[in-house]
């Protein structure tokens, strides 16, 4: 009888711990980002991050990693105007997110970038050292945003010296 109690307690503790880990990974650290009216910026050809016109903004972020930022929005700005005004982003790689953040689908974004029905722009370089904010805008005006490690961050976080032209890395990393 005591063995059954011990086994039951161990199984129960394991189930509770597993459920807690699942919750923390998928839901626990994310917080909604409030729309302040200037949440979306794109870097102009001149190299200045400028606010752009958007609507239907929704975003999530987490303090646990600078890479967890995701956002969705719509815009009436045309691709022709966007590509003439703002910097394109080379090698965009949409990162996955929590499955419950329905508007952001990394596979669909990646497919649209590859088939040319979406274009990636530099939102802001080094929004946090080594991390760029990338903005992909579809031909129909839907937009998706994520953070991506840039060349400076890749080298720095791998423990190597940063390439020429990078800002100085923070002292605490």
Protein backbone atom coordinates (compact mmCIF):
# COMPACT_ATOMS: atom_id res chain seq x y z
CA UNK A 1 0.00 0.00 0.00
CA UNK A 2 2.81 2.45 0.79
CA UNK A 3 4.42 1.70 -2.57
CA UNK A 4 1.24 2.69 -4.39
CA UNK A 5 1.12 6.00 -2.52
CA UNK A 6 4.77 6.78 -3.29
CA UNK A 7 4.35 5.84 -6.95
CA UNK A 8 1.16 7.90 -7.19
CA UNK A 9 2.87 10.90 -5.59
CA UNK A 10 5.83 10.65 -7.98
CA UNK A 11 3.57 10.43 -11.02
CA UNK A 12 1.48 13.36 -9.79
CA UNK A 13 4.54 15.52 -9.15
CA UNK A 14 5.88 14.64 -12.61
CA UNK A 15 2.58 15.60 -14.26
CA UNK A 16 2.39 18.90 -12.39
CA UNK A 17 6.01 19.76 -13.22
CA UNK A 18 5.47 18.87 -16.89
CA UNK A 19 2.34 21.00 -17.11
CA UNK A 20 4.13 23.92 -15.44
CA UNK A 21 7.08 23.69 -17.86
CA UNK A 22 4.72 23.57 -20.84
CA UNK A 23 2.76 26.58 -19.61
CA UNK A 24 5.91 28.63 -18.95
CA UNK A 25 7.37 27.88 -22.39
CA UNK A 26 4.22 28.52 -24.40
CA UNK A 27 2.32 31.16 -22.39
CA UNK A 28 4.13 32.22 -19.24
CA UNK A 29 6.68 34.77 -20.36
CA UNK A 30 4.76 36.50 -23.14
CA UNK A 31 3.03 39.82 -22.56
CA UNK A 32 0.93 41.81 -25.02
CA UNK A 33 2.57 44.96 -26.38
CA UNK A 34 0.39 48.07 -26.13
CA UNK A 35 -0.15 50.03 -29.34
CA UNK A 36 1.28 53.48 -28.65
CA UNK A 37 0.69 54.75 -32.18
CA UNK A 38 4.38 54.67 -33.07
CA UNK A 39 5.19 50.97 -32.60
CA UNK A 40 6.23 50.46 -36.20
CA UNK A 41 9.34 52.01 -37.73
CA UNK A 42 11.21 51.28 -40.94
CA UNK A 43 14.76 52.37 -41.70
CA UNK A 44 14.87 54.79 -44.61
CA UNK A 45 17.40 54.69 -47.43
CA UNK A 46 19.12 57.55 -45.54
CA UNK A 47 19.55 55.22 -42.53
CA UNK A 48 17.01 56.78 -40.16
CA UNK A 49 14.28 54.68 -38.50
CA UNK A 50 11.02 56.48 -39.28
CA UNK A 51 7.48 55.79 -38.07
CA UNK A 52 5.15 54.44 -40.73
CA UNK A 53 1.39 54.35 -41.14
CA UNK A 54 -0.24 51.16 -39.82
CA UNK A 55 -3.48 49.80 -38.42
CA UNK A 56 -4.71 46.64 -36.65
CA UNK A 57 -1.53 46.32 -34.59
CA UNK A 58 -1.09 43.38 -32.24
CA UNK A 59 2.16 42.20 -30.71
CA UNK A 60 3.69 40.04 -28.00
CA UNK A 61 7.07 40.19 -26.32
CA UNK A 62 8.93 38.61 -23.41
CA UNK A 63 11.71 39.82 -21.14
CA UNK A 64 13.31 36.37 -21.26
CA UNK A 65 14.81 36.92 -24.75
CA UNK A 66 15.10 39.81 -27.21
CA UNK A 67 14.17 37.33 -29.97
CA UNK A 68 10.61 36.72 -28.70
CA UNK A 69 9.09 39.90 -30.16
CA UNK A 70 6.37 39.24 -32.78
CA UNK A 71 3.86 41.64 -34.28
CA UNK A 72 1.14 41.78 -36.92
CA UNK A 73 -0.39 44.84 -38.56
CA UNK A 74 -1.86 46.16 -41.78
CA UNK A 75 -0.82 49.15 -43.87
CA UNK A 76 -2.13 51.04 -46.89
CA UNK A 77 1.40 51.90 -48.06
CA UNK A 78 2.19 50.44 -51.49
CA UNK A 79 5.12 48.11 -52.10
CA UNK A 80 6.41 50.53 -54.78
CA UNK A 81 6.57 53.39 -52.28
CA UNK A 82 8.02 51.16 -49.55
CA UNK A 83 10.83 49.75 -51.72
CA UNK A 84 11.79 53.23 -52.95
CA UNK A 85 11.85 54.71 -49.44
CA UNK A 86 13.07 52.02 -47.05
CA UNK A 87 16.01 49.61 -46.77
CA UNK A 88 15.43 46.01 -47.77
CA UNK A 89 16.55 43.33 -45.31
CA UNK A 90 18.92 40.68 -46.61
CA UNK A 91 18.38 37.05 -45.59
CA UNK A 92 15.19 37.44 -43.53
CA UNK A 93 14.38 34.33 -41.51
CA UNK A 94 10.97 34.44 -39.81
CA UNK A 95 11.28 32.82 -36.41
CA UNK A 96 8.62 30.62 -34.83
CA UNK A 97 6.38 31.85 -32.05
CA UNK A 98 3.80 30.62 -29.60
CA UNK A 99 1.12 28.71 -31.49
CA UNK A 100 -1.66 30.75 -29.86
CA UNK A 101 -0.45 33.99 -31.53
CA UNK A 102 -2.57 33.18 -34.58
CA UNK A 103 -1.80 36.14 -36.85
CA UNK A 104 1.90 35.25 -37.12
CA UNK A 105 2.67 32.19 -39.29
CA UNK A 106 6.42 31.86 -39.95
CA UNK A 107 5.99 29.25 -42.70
CA UNK A 108 3.56 31.48 -44.61
CA UNK A 109 5.83 34.50 -44.17
CA UNK A 110 8.86 32.54 -45.40
CA UNK A 111 6.93 31.21 -48.41
CA UNK A 112 5.72 34.72 -49.30
CA UNK A 113 9.24 36.13 -49.03
CA UNK A 114 10.55 33.39 -51.32
CA UNK A 115 7.80 33.71 -53.94
CA UNK A 116 7.95 37.51 -53.94
CA UNK A 117 4.48 38.23 -52.55
CA UNK A 118 6.09 39.80 -49.46
CA UNK A 119 9.16 41.98 -49.03
CA UNK A 120 11.36 42.24 -45.94
CA UNK A 121 12.54 45.62 -44.68
CA UNK A 122 14.90 46.68 -41.93
CA UNK A 123 12.72 47.94 -39.12
CA UNK A 124 15.52 49.01 -36.79
CA UNK A 125 19.11 47.78 -36.71
CA UNK A 126 20.48 46.77 -33.32
CA UNK A 127 17.21 47.44 -31.53
CA UNK A 128 19.06 45.52 -28.83
CA UNK A 129 22.77 44.95 -29.51
CA UNK A 130 23.10 42.25 -32.16
CA UNK A 131 19.37 42.03 -32.83
CA UNK A 132 17.55 43.63 -35.77
CA UNK A 133 13.81 44.24 -36.01
CA UNK A 134 12.65 42.83 -39.37
CA UNK A 135 9.37 43.86 -40.99
CA UNK A 136 7.83 41.79 -43.80
CA UNK A 137 5.00 43.40 -45.75
CA UNK A 138 2.80 41.36 -48.07
CA UNK A 139 1.51 42.76 -51.37
CA UNK A 140 -2.00 43.00 -49.84
CA UNK A 141 -0.79 45.23 -46.97
CA UNK A 142 -0.51 42.64 -44.20
CA UNK A 143 2.67 43.05 -42.17
CA UNK A 144 4.59 40.80 -39.81
CA UNK A 145 7.47 41.70 -37.51
CA UNK A 146 10.12 39.67 -35.67
CA UNK A 147 13.58 40.11 -34.21
CA UNK A 148 16.56 38.41 -35.85
CA UNK A 149 20.23 38.08 -34.86
CA UNK A 150 22.47 40.14 -37.14
CA UNK A 151 26.15 39.57 -38.05
CA UNK A 152 27.37 41.61 -35.06
CA UNK A 153 25.26 39.62 -32.63
CA UNK A 154 26.15 36.26 -34.16
CA UNK A 155 29.87 36.83 -33.73
CA UNK A 156 29.55 38.43 -30.30
CA UNK A 157 27.25 35.75 -28.87
CA UNK A 158 29.56 33.05 -30.29
CA UNK A 159 32.40 34.65 -28.30
CA UNK A 160 34.24 36.08 -31.32
CA UNK A 161 35.31 39.68 -31.97
CA UNK A 162 32.59 41.70 -33.67
CA UNK A 163 33.09 42.54 -37.36
CA UNK A 164 34.20 45.99 -38.48
CA UNK A 165 31.36 48.50 -38.58
CA UNK A 166 29.49 47.01 -35.60
CA UNK A 167 28.64 49.15 -32.61
CA UNK A 168 30.61 48.29 -29.48
CA UNK A 169 29.09 45.33 -27.62
CA UNK A 170 27.60 45.95 -24.19
CA UNK A 171 29.94 45.48 -21.25
CA UNK A 172 27.73 42.95 -19.45
CA UNK A 173 27.76 40.33 -22.25
